[in-house]
Amino acid sequence: MKVNPVLLALAPNQIGLLQELARRRRAAGERVLDFSIGDPLEPTPPFIPEALRRAVPSVSQYPTTPGLPELREAVAGYVKRRFGVEVDPETQVLPTSGAKEAIFSSALAFVDRLRGDLVAWPTPGYPIYEKGAVLAGAEPRLVRLGPDFVFRADDLAEDEWARAAMVWVCSPHNPAGSVTSRSELEELMAEARKGEAWLCSDECYADLYENDPPTSVLEVAGPTSTGALSFLSLSKRSGMTGYRSGVIVGDAEAIRCLKRLRGYTGTASPEFVQRAAIAAWNDDDHVVERREIFRQKRAILREAFEASGMTVVGSVAGIYLWVAVPDDVEIANQLLEENILLTPGRAFGPGGEGYVRLALVPTVDECDEAAARLSKCLAN
């Protein structure tokens, strides 16, 4: 039977394999503290599922690709409050079924494989940038990050900027939790416009930080967001991972192309999920509470690693702890014996070797328990 050879050539989902391992151990009755995937255990704020339940219809019908006008208006309101940027909800906002599928599929709208387009993204990084780009027929360009894990404009050569159809930046960064400064984003935006590439900014963790709020690409792109796209999500901001609710905001021409593409894919969120999303985007108080919870978790685990002589790198925003270790696979296997599941850094691509990532998903009490196990294990 015929199969796309590109699909067969892609590496398996390492985090998915870790999840299977965790499930098997739980089924065997073992208590596993799972830090491998960014799926926090704190309950979704009650007003969100209440909004969803109220909106479930007696007759189910297809949602539209552009989404509910009220949802696009709620997102525009959030963007104005959070980033100080006004966007047109009609032409610059496009709801999606979470950020992952939007990040994966967007290359299909912009890449011309016959033209030899290039798509660039930082490594270590979110594996979906690669999967979407390669399956769309782009030439992949992995930008290996330096020790601070920040992507900068001069990491790409001038001719690479000229050939790029899309350039991905992620701030706060997954997996390292580093933050791209405003000036660095401005330089990336200038180079992208010079080469007519779309600057695609994965900002799914924009509301989870410890110090100053991270800058959005929308803030540096100017009033019309020319050449810029921000990919946002309610998964971590509002504890809605299972709702699959995200949004793309930015350049009206790009949004028009993506709207056309997504009309073919049938990936619009059900309208009752959109109603829950409206409630979430319209409220900022619950995000303050979640931000404090992640700060507590990070502090507990940071102390355990640093007391064991290991260096925590970045980790000032997002929901991850990024730790420099002698051997990421060896440490992951060692902690697995204590039923602590984390991800070796190499799972996020070249440059991840020698680091481990902990997703701050177990509860605060479970992080305390994990810290005690960590200290004992690493001391040995």
Protein backbone atom coordinates (compact mmCIF):
# COMPACT_ATOMS: atom_id res chain seq x y z
CA MET A 1 0.00 0.00 0.00
CA LYS A 2 1.17 3.54 -0.73
CA VAL A 3 2.18 5.77 2.18
CA ASN A 4 3.61 9.28 2.26
CA PRO A 5 7.36 8.68 2.77
CA VAL A 6 7.70 12.01 4.58
CA LEU A 7 5.36 10.74 7.28
CA LEU A 8 7.37 7.56 7.69
CA ALA A 9 10.62 9.53 7.94
CA LEU A 10 9.40 11.70 10.83
CA ALA A 11 10.53 10.61 14.27
CA PRO A 12 7.84 9.19 16.58
CA ASN A 13 6.28 11.41 19.21
CA GLN A 14 8.63 10.90 22.16
CA ILE A 15 6.29 12.52 24.66
CA GLY A 16 3.48 10.26 23.48
CA LEU A 17 5.70 7.25 24.17
CA LEU A 18 6.35 8.54 27.69
CA GLN A 19 2.62 8.91 28.23
CA GLU A 20 2.09 5.28 27.24
CA LEU A 21 4.73 4.26 29.78
CA ALA A 22 3.03 6.31 32.49
CA ARG A 23 -0.35 4.71 31.70
CA ARG A 24 1.12 1.22 31.95
CA ARG A 25 2.67 1.97 35.33
CA ARG A 26 -0.56 3.42 36.69
CA ALA A 27 -2.48 0.38 35.41
CA ALA A 28 -0.03 -1.75 37.40
CA GLY A 29 -1.02 0.15 40.55
CA GLU A 30 2.08 2.34 40.81
CA ARG A 31 1.92 6.00 41.86
CA VAL A 32 3.49 8.03 39.07
CA LEU A 33 4.30 11.72 39.32
CA ASP A 34 4.08 12.72 35.67
CA PHE A 35 5.97 15.85 34.57
CA SER A 36 6.26 14.79 30.93
CA ILE A 37 3.39 16.60 29.20
CA GLY A 38 1.96 20.10 29.69
CA ASP A 39 -1.50 19.08 30.88
CA PRO A 40 -2.00 20.72 34.31
CA LEU A 41 -4.15 19.00 36.94
CA GLU A 42 -5.74 22.10 38.48
CA PRO A 43 -9.49 22.13 37.82
CA THR A 44 -10.76 24.38 35.06
CA PRO A 45 -12.27 27.50 36.69
CA PRO A 46 -15.95 26.61 37.29
CA PHE A 47 -17.45 29.49 35.31
CA ILE A 48 -15.94 28.05 32.11
CA PRO A 49 -17.59 24.59 32.10
CA GLU A 50 -20.77 26.27 33.31
CA ALA A 51 -20.74 28.45 30.19
CA LEU A 52 -20.16 25.35 28.06
CA ARG A 53 -23.02 23.40 29.64
CA ARG A 54 -25.44 26.28 29.17
CA ALA A 55 -24.53 26.41 25.48
CA VAL A 56 -24.93 22.71 24.58
CA PRO A 57 -27.84 22.72 22.09
CA SER A 58 -30.66 20.24 21.72
CA VAL A 59 -29.85 20.06 18.01
CA SER A 60 -26.18 19.85 17.04
CA GLN A 61 -25.08 21.70 13.90
CA TYR A 62 -21.78 22.41 12.18
CA PRO A 63 -19.76 25.40 13.42
CA THR A 64 -18.53 27.94 10.88
CA THR A 65 -14.86 28.43 10.05
CA PRO A 66 -14.69 32.11 11.17
CA GLY A 67 -16.24 31.22 14.52
CA LEU A 68 -18.82 33.15 16.52
CA PRO A 69 -18.59 36.96 16.21
CA GLU A 70 -18.82 37.18 20.00
CA LEU A 71 -15.72 34.96 20.33
CA ARG A 72 -13.70 37.05 17.89
CA GLU A 73 -14.77 40.19 19.78
CA ALA A 74 -13.77 38.61 23.11
CA VAL A 75 -10.32 37.79 21.71
CA ALA A 76 -9.92 41.32 20.36
CA GLY A 77 -10.84 42.63 23.81
CA TYR A 78 -8.22 40.39 25.42
CA VAL A 79 -5.54 41.49 22.92
CA LYS A 80 -6.33 45.14 23.71
CA ARG A 81 -6.16 44.57 27.50
CA ARG A 82 -3.10 42.33 27.50
CA PHE A 83 -0.96 43.79 24.71
CA GLY A 84 -2.41 47.27 24.20
CA VAL A 85 -3.09 46.47 20.54
CA GLU A 86 -6.34 47.01 18.66
CA VAL A 87 -7.25 44.34 16.09
CA ASP A 88 -10.28 44.02 13.88
CA PRO A 89 -12.29 41.00 15.09
CA GLU A 90 -13.76 40.56 11.62
CA THR A 91 -10.52 40.42 9.62
CA GLN A 92 -7.67 39.77 12.09
CA VAL A 93 -8.98 37.05 14.42
CA LEU A 94 -9.49 33.39 13.54
CA PRO A 95 -10.53 30.83 16.21
CA THR A 96 -8.99 27.36 16.00
CA SER A 97 -9.35 23.94 17.63
CA GLY A 98 -6.42 24.57 19.91
CA ALA A 99 -3.01 25.90 18.96
CA LYS A 100 -1.39 22.57 18.03
CA GLU A 101 -3.47 21.82 14.96
CA ALA A 102 -3.27 25.47 13.90
CA ILE A 103 0.53 25.48 14.15
CA PHE A 104 0.70 22.18 12.26
CA SER A 105 -1.64 23.10 9.41
CA SER A 106 -0.75 26.75 8.76
CA ALA A 107 2.24 25.83 6.58
CA LEU A 108 -0.24 24.40 4.08
CA ALA A 109 -1.48 27.94 3.44
CA PHE A 110 1.90 29.58 2.91
CA VAL A 111 4.49 27.08 1.65
CA ASP A 112 5.15 26.65 -2.08
CA ARG A 113 7.24 23.50 -2.45
CA LEU A 114 7.93 24.25 -6.12
CA ARG A 115 9.42 27.59 -5.16
CA GLY A 116 11.73 25.88 -2.67
CA ASP A 117 10.33 27.67 0.35
CA LEU A 118 12.08 27.35 3.67
CA VAL A 119 10.46 27.23 7.11
CA ALA A 120 12.65 28.04 10.12
CA TRP A 121 12.08 27.32 13.78
CA PRO A 122 14.16 27.22 16.98
CA THR A 123 15.62 24.03 18.36
CA PRO A 124 15.21 22.68 20.93
CA GLY A 125 11.55 23.53 20.46
CA TYR A 126 8.00 22.38 20.00
CA PRO A 127 8.14 19.39 17.60
CA ILE A 128 5.01 20.41 15.70
CA TYR A 129 6.76 23.24 13.83
CA GLU A 130 8.82 20.60 12.04
CA LYS A 131 5.98 18.17 11.39
CA GLY A 132 3.74 20.74 9.75
CA ALA A 133 6.51 22.33 7.71
CA VAL A 134 7.95 19.08 6.35
CA LEU A 135 4.59 17.57 5.44
CA ALA A 136 3.72 20.81 3.64
CA GLY A 137 6.84 20.33 1.50
CA ALA A 138 9.05 23.06 2.97
CA GLU A 139 12.78 22.86 3.33
CA PRO A 140 13.39 22.65 7.09
CA ARG A 141 15.79 25.05 8.77
CA LEU A 142 16.45 24.29 12.43
CA VAL A 143 17.90 27.25 14.29
CA ARG A 144 20.01 25.86 17.10
CA LEU A 145 19.63 28.17 20.08
CA GLY A 146 22.46 29.42 22.25
CA PRO A 147 22.79 28.90 26.01
CA ASP A 148 20.04 31.44 26.84
CA PHE A 149 17.57 29.73 24.46
CA VAL A 150 16.47 32.92 22.71
CA PHE A 151 15.99 33.06 18.92
CA ARG A 152 17.56 36.17 17.36
CA ALA A 153 17.42 37.65 13.86
CA ASP A 154 21.09 37.02 13.10
CA ASP A 155 20.61 33.30 13.76
CA LEU A 156 19.37 33.13 10.16
CA ALA A 157 21.57 34.16 7.23
CA GLU A 158 20.35 36.88 4.86
CA ASP A 159 19.71 34.40 2.05
CA GLU A 160 17.72 32.18 4.43
CA TRP A 161 15.49 35.10 5.39
CA ALA A 162 14.95 35.72 1.66
CA ARG A 163 13.85 32.10 1.07
CA ALA A 164 11.72 31.72 4.17
CA ALA A 165 7.96 31.44 3.84
CA MET A 166 7.50 31.20 7.62
CA VAL A 167 9.74 31.79 10.60
CA TRP A 168 8.60 30.50 13.99
CA VAL A 169 9.47 32.12 17.28
CA CYS A 170 8.22 30.91 20.66
CA SER A 171 8.08 33.21 23.67
CA PRO A 172 7.77 32.21 26.45
CA HIS A 173 9.80 29.38 25.01
CA ASN A 174 8.86 25.73 25.17
CA PRO A 175 10.81 23.89 26.57
CA ALA A 176 13.23 26.36 28.20
CA GLY A 177 10.89 29.01 29.62
CA SER A 178 13.07 31.84 28.26
CA VAL A 179 11.54 35.11 27.02
CA THR A 180 12.32 37.04 23.83
CA SER A 181 12.75 40.76 24.52
CA ARG A 182 10.89 43.49 22.69
CA SER A 183 14.03 44.63 20.85
CA GLU A 184 14.78 41.07 19.74
CA LEU A 185 11.23 40.69 18.42
CA GLU A 186 11.53 44.00 16.59
CA GLU A 187 14.67 42.77 14.83
CA LEU A 188 12.99 39.49 13.89
CA MET A 189 9.98 41.40 12.55
CA ALA A 190 12.17 43.71 10.47
CA GLU A 191 14.04 40.81 8.85
CA ALA A 192 10.83 38.89 8.18
CA ARG A 193 9.31 41.87 6.40
CA LYS A 194 12.47 42.44 4.38
CA GLY A 195 12.27 38.87 3.04
CA GLU A 196 8.44 38.79 2.91
CA ALA A 197 8.27 35.89 5.36
CA TRP A 198 5.46 35.43 7.83
CA LEU A 199 6.73 35.83 11.40
CA CYS A 200 4.66 33.27 13.32
CA SER A 201 4.85 33.68 17.08
CA ASP A 202 3.80 30.82 19.34
CA GLU A 203 2.51 32.75 22.37
CA CYS A 204 0.51 30.04 24.08
CA TYR A 205 2.21 30.80 27.43
CA ALA A 206 2.01 34.60 27.20
CA ASP A 207 -0.01 34.95 30.41
CA LEU A 208 2.12 32.65 32.57
CA TYR A 209 5.23 34.47 33.78
CA GLU A 210 7.06 35.49 36.94
CA ASN A 211 8.50 38.93 36.16
CA ASP A 212 7.42 41.38 33.45
CA PRO A 213 4.72 40.23 31.00
CA PRO A 214 6.31 38.87 27.79
CA THR A 215 6.02 41.02 24.67
CA SER A 216 3.81 39.84 21.80
CA VAL A 217 4.71 40.02 18.14
CA LEU A 218 1.51 42.04 17.80
CA GLU A 219 3.05 44.81 19.89
CA VAL A 220 6.03 45.25 17.57
CA ALA A 221 4.17 44.70 14.29
CA GLY A 222 2.21 47.95 14.41
CA PRO A 223 -1.49 48.77 13.89
CA THR A 224 -2.15 46.44 10.92
CA SER A 225 0.06 43.56 12.17
CA THR A 226 1.67 43.39 8.73
CA GLY A 227 3.56 40.11 8.32
CA ALA A 228 2.85 38.95 11.88
CA LEU A 229 0.74 36.15 13.30
CA SER A 230 0.26 35.38 16.98
CA PHE A 231 -0.88 31.87 17.94
CA LEU A 232 -2.72 31.92 21.27
CA SER A 233 -4.39 29.23 23.37
CA LEU A 234 -6.66 28.78 26.36
CA SER A 235 -5.08 25.44 27.26
CA LYS A 236 -2.63 26.63 29.89
CA ARG A 237 -3.97 30.15 30.46
CA SER A 238 -7.37 28.87 31.51
CA GLY A 239 -6.90 25.16 32.20
CA MET A 240 -8.76 24.16 29.02
CA THR A 241 -6.41 21.65 27.39
CA GLY A 242 -9.23 19.21 26.64
CA TYR A 243 -11.48 21.90 25.18
CA ARG A 244 -9.10 22.38 22.22
CA SER A 245 -9.61 26.13 21.89
CA GLY A 246 -7.09 28.54 20.41
CA VAL A 247 -6.90 31.49 18.06
CA ILE A 248 -4.68 33.08 15.41
CA VAL A 249 -4.45 36.88 15.47
CA GLY A 250 -2.62 39.21 13.10
CA ASP A 251 -2.16 40.21 9.48
CA ALA A 252 -5.53 40.37 7.70
CA GLU A 253 -4.16 38.95 4.44
CA ALA A 254 -2.72 35.93 6.25
CA ILE A 255 -5.94 35.43 8.19
CA ARG A 256 -7.88 35.48 4.92
CA CYS A 257 -5.62 32.73 3.51
CA LEU A 258 -5.90 30.66 6.68
CA LYS A 259 -9.67 31.07 6.73
CA ARG A 260 -9.81 29.69 3.20
CA LEU A 261 -7.56 26.75 4.13
CA ARG A 262 -9.49 25.95 7.29
CA GLY A 263 -12.76 25.96 5.39
CA TYR A 264 -11.52 22.73 3.80
CA THR A 265 -10.25 21.06 6.99
CA GLY A 266 -13.43 21.16 9.08
CA THR A 267 -11.48 21.88 12.28
CA ALA A 268 -13.64 24.64 13.77
CA SER A 269 -14.49 24.23 17.47
CA PRO A 270 -18.09 23.32 18.37
CA GLU A 271 -20.08 26.42 19.25
CA PHE A 272 -20.61 25.29 22.84
CA VAL A 273 -16.81 25.18 23.23
CA GLN A 274 -16.66 28.64 21.68
CA ARG A 275 -19.12 29.89 24.31
CA ALA A 276 -16.82 28.58 27.03
CA ALA A 277 -13.91 30.30 25.28
CA ILE A 278 -15.79 33.60 25.26
CA ALA A 279 -16.14 33.38 29.04
CA ALA A 280 -12.44 32.55 29.43
CA TRP A 281 -11.07 35.31 27.18
CA ASN A 282 -13.31 37.88 28.89
CA ASP A 283 -11.92 37.13 32.37
CA ASP A 284 -8.39 37.85 33.62
CA ASP A 285 -8.77 37.19 37.35
CA HIS A 286 -8.55 33.41 37.08
CA VAL A 287 -5.27 33.76 35.17
CA VAL A 288 -3.69 35.64 38.08
CA GLU A 289 -4.55 32.71 40.35
CA ARG A 290 -3.11 30.15 37.93
CA ARG A 291 0.05 32.18 37.47
CA GLU A 292 0.66 32.06 41.23
CA ILE A 293 0.14 28.29 41.34
CA PHE A 294 2.76 27.72 38.63
CA ARG A 295 5.15 30.08 40.44
CA GLN A 296 4.84 27.96 43.59
CA LYS A 297 5.47 24.73 41.71
CA ARG A 298 8.49 26.15 39.92
CA ALA A 299 10.02 27.38 43.18
CA ILE A 300 9.61 23.99 44.88
CA LEU A 301 11.26 22.02 42.09
CA ARG A 302 13.92 24.63 41.37
CA GLU A 303 15.08 24.41 44.97
CA ALA A 304 15.31 20.60 44.82
CA PHE A 305 17.45 20.60 41.67
CA GLU A 306 19.69 23.46 42.74
CA ALA A 307 20.25 21.85 46.15
CA SER A 308 21.52 18.83 44.22
CA GLY A 309 24.03 20.98 42.36
CA MET A 310 22.16 21.24 39.07
CA THR A 311 21.51 24.47 37.17
CA VAL A 312 18.01 25.61 36.22
CA VAL A 313 18.19 27.49 32.89
CA GLY A 314 15.61 30.03 31.68
CA SER A 315 12.41 28.87 33.38
CA VAL A 316 11.15 32.39 34.09
CA ALA A 317 7.85 31.96 32.23
CA GLY A 318 5.55 29.31 30.83
CA ILE A 319 4.85 26.08 32.72
CA TYR A 320 8.17 24.27 32.43
CA LEU A 321 11.38 23.83 34.37
CA TRP A 322 14.48 23.39 32.15
CA VAL A 323 17.43 21.87 33.97
CA ALA A 324 21.02 21.33 32.83
CA VAL A 325 22.13 17.79 33.71
CA PRO A 326 25.18 15.61 32.92
CA ASP A 327 23.14 13.21 30.76
CA ASP A 328 19.45 13.83 30.07
CA VAL A 329 18.56 10.23 29.21
CA GLU A 330 20.43 8.82 32.19
CA ILE A 331 18.77 11.26 34.62
CA ALA A 332 15.34 10.58 33.11
CA ASN A 333 15.83 6.83 33.50
CA GLN A 334 17.18 7.26 37.03
CA LEU A 335 14.15 9.28 38.11
CA LEU A 336 11.83 6.86 36.34
CA GLU A 337 12.93 4.27 38.90
CA GLU A 338 11.39 6.61 41.49
CA ASN A 339 8.24 6.86 39.34
CA ILE A 340 9.01 10.47 38.44
CA LEU A 341 8.38 10.90 34.73
CA LEU A 342 10.07 13.80 32.91
CA THR A 343 11.27 14.44 29.39
CA PRO A 344 14.89 14.22 28.18
CA GLY A 345 15.80 17.45 26.43
CA ARG A 346 16.81 15.69 23.20
CA ALA A 347 13.11 14.91 22.61
CA PHE A 348 12.79 18.59 21.62
CA GLY A 349 15.48 18.40 18.94
CA PRO A 350 19.17 19.23 18.56
CA GLY A 351 20.46 21.40 21.37
CA GLY A 352 18.26 19.71 23.94
CA GLU A 353 20.88 17.15 24.90
CA GLY A 354 22.11 17.66 28.44
CA TYR A 355 18.82 19.11 29.71
CA VAL A 356 15.58 17.74 31.10
CA ARG A 357 12.16 19.35 31.00
CA LEU A 358 9.60 19.14 33.76
CA ALA A 359 6.07 20.25 32.93
CA LEU A 360 4.62 21.83 36.07
CA VAL A 361 1.43 19.80 35.91
CA PRO A 362 1.15 17.81 39.18
CA THR A 363 -0.43 19.66 42.10
CA VAL A 364 1.59 21.80 44.51
CA ASP A 365 1.45 18.99 47.11
CA GLU A 366 2.63 16.47 44.51
CA CYS A 367 5.49 18.79 43.57
CA ASP A 368 6.50 18.78 47.24
CA GLU A 369 6.44 14.97 47.17
CA ALA A 370 8.43 14.92 43.93
CA ALA A 371 11.01 17.33 45.37
CA ALA A 372 11.64 14.95 48.27
CA ARG A 373 12.04 12.00 45.88
CA LEU A 374 14.28 14.09 43.60
CA SER A 375 16.58 15.10 46.43
CA LYS A 376 16.96 11.53 47.60
CA CYS A 377 17.50 10.11 44.11
CA LEU A 378 19.94 12.77 42.91
CA ALA A 379 21.94 12.56 46.11
CA ASN A 380 22.66 8.95 45.26
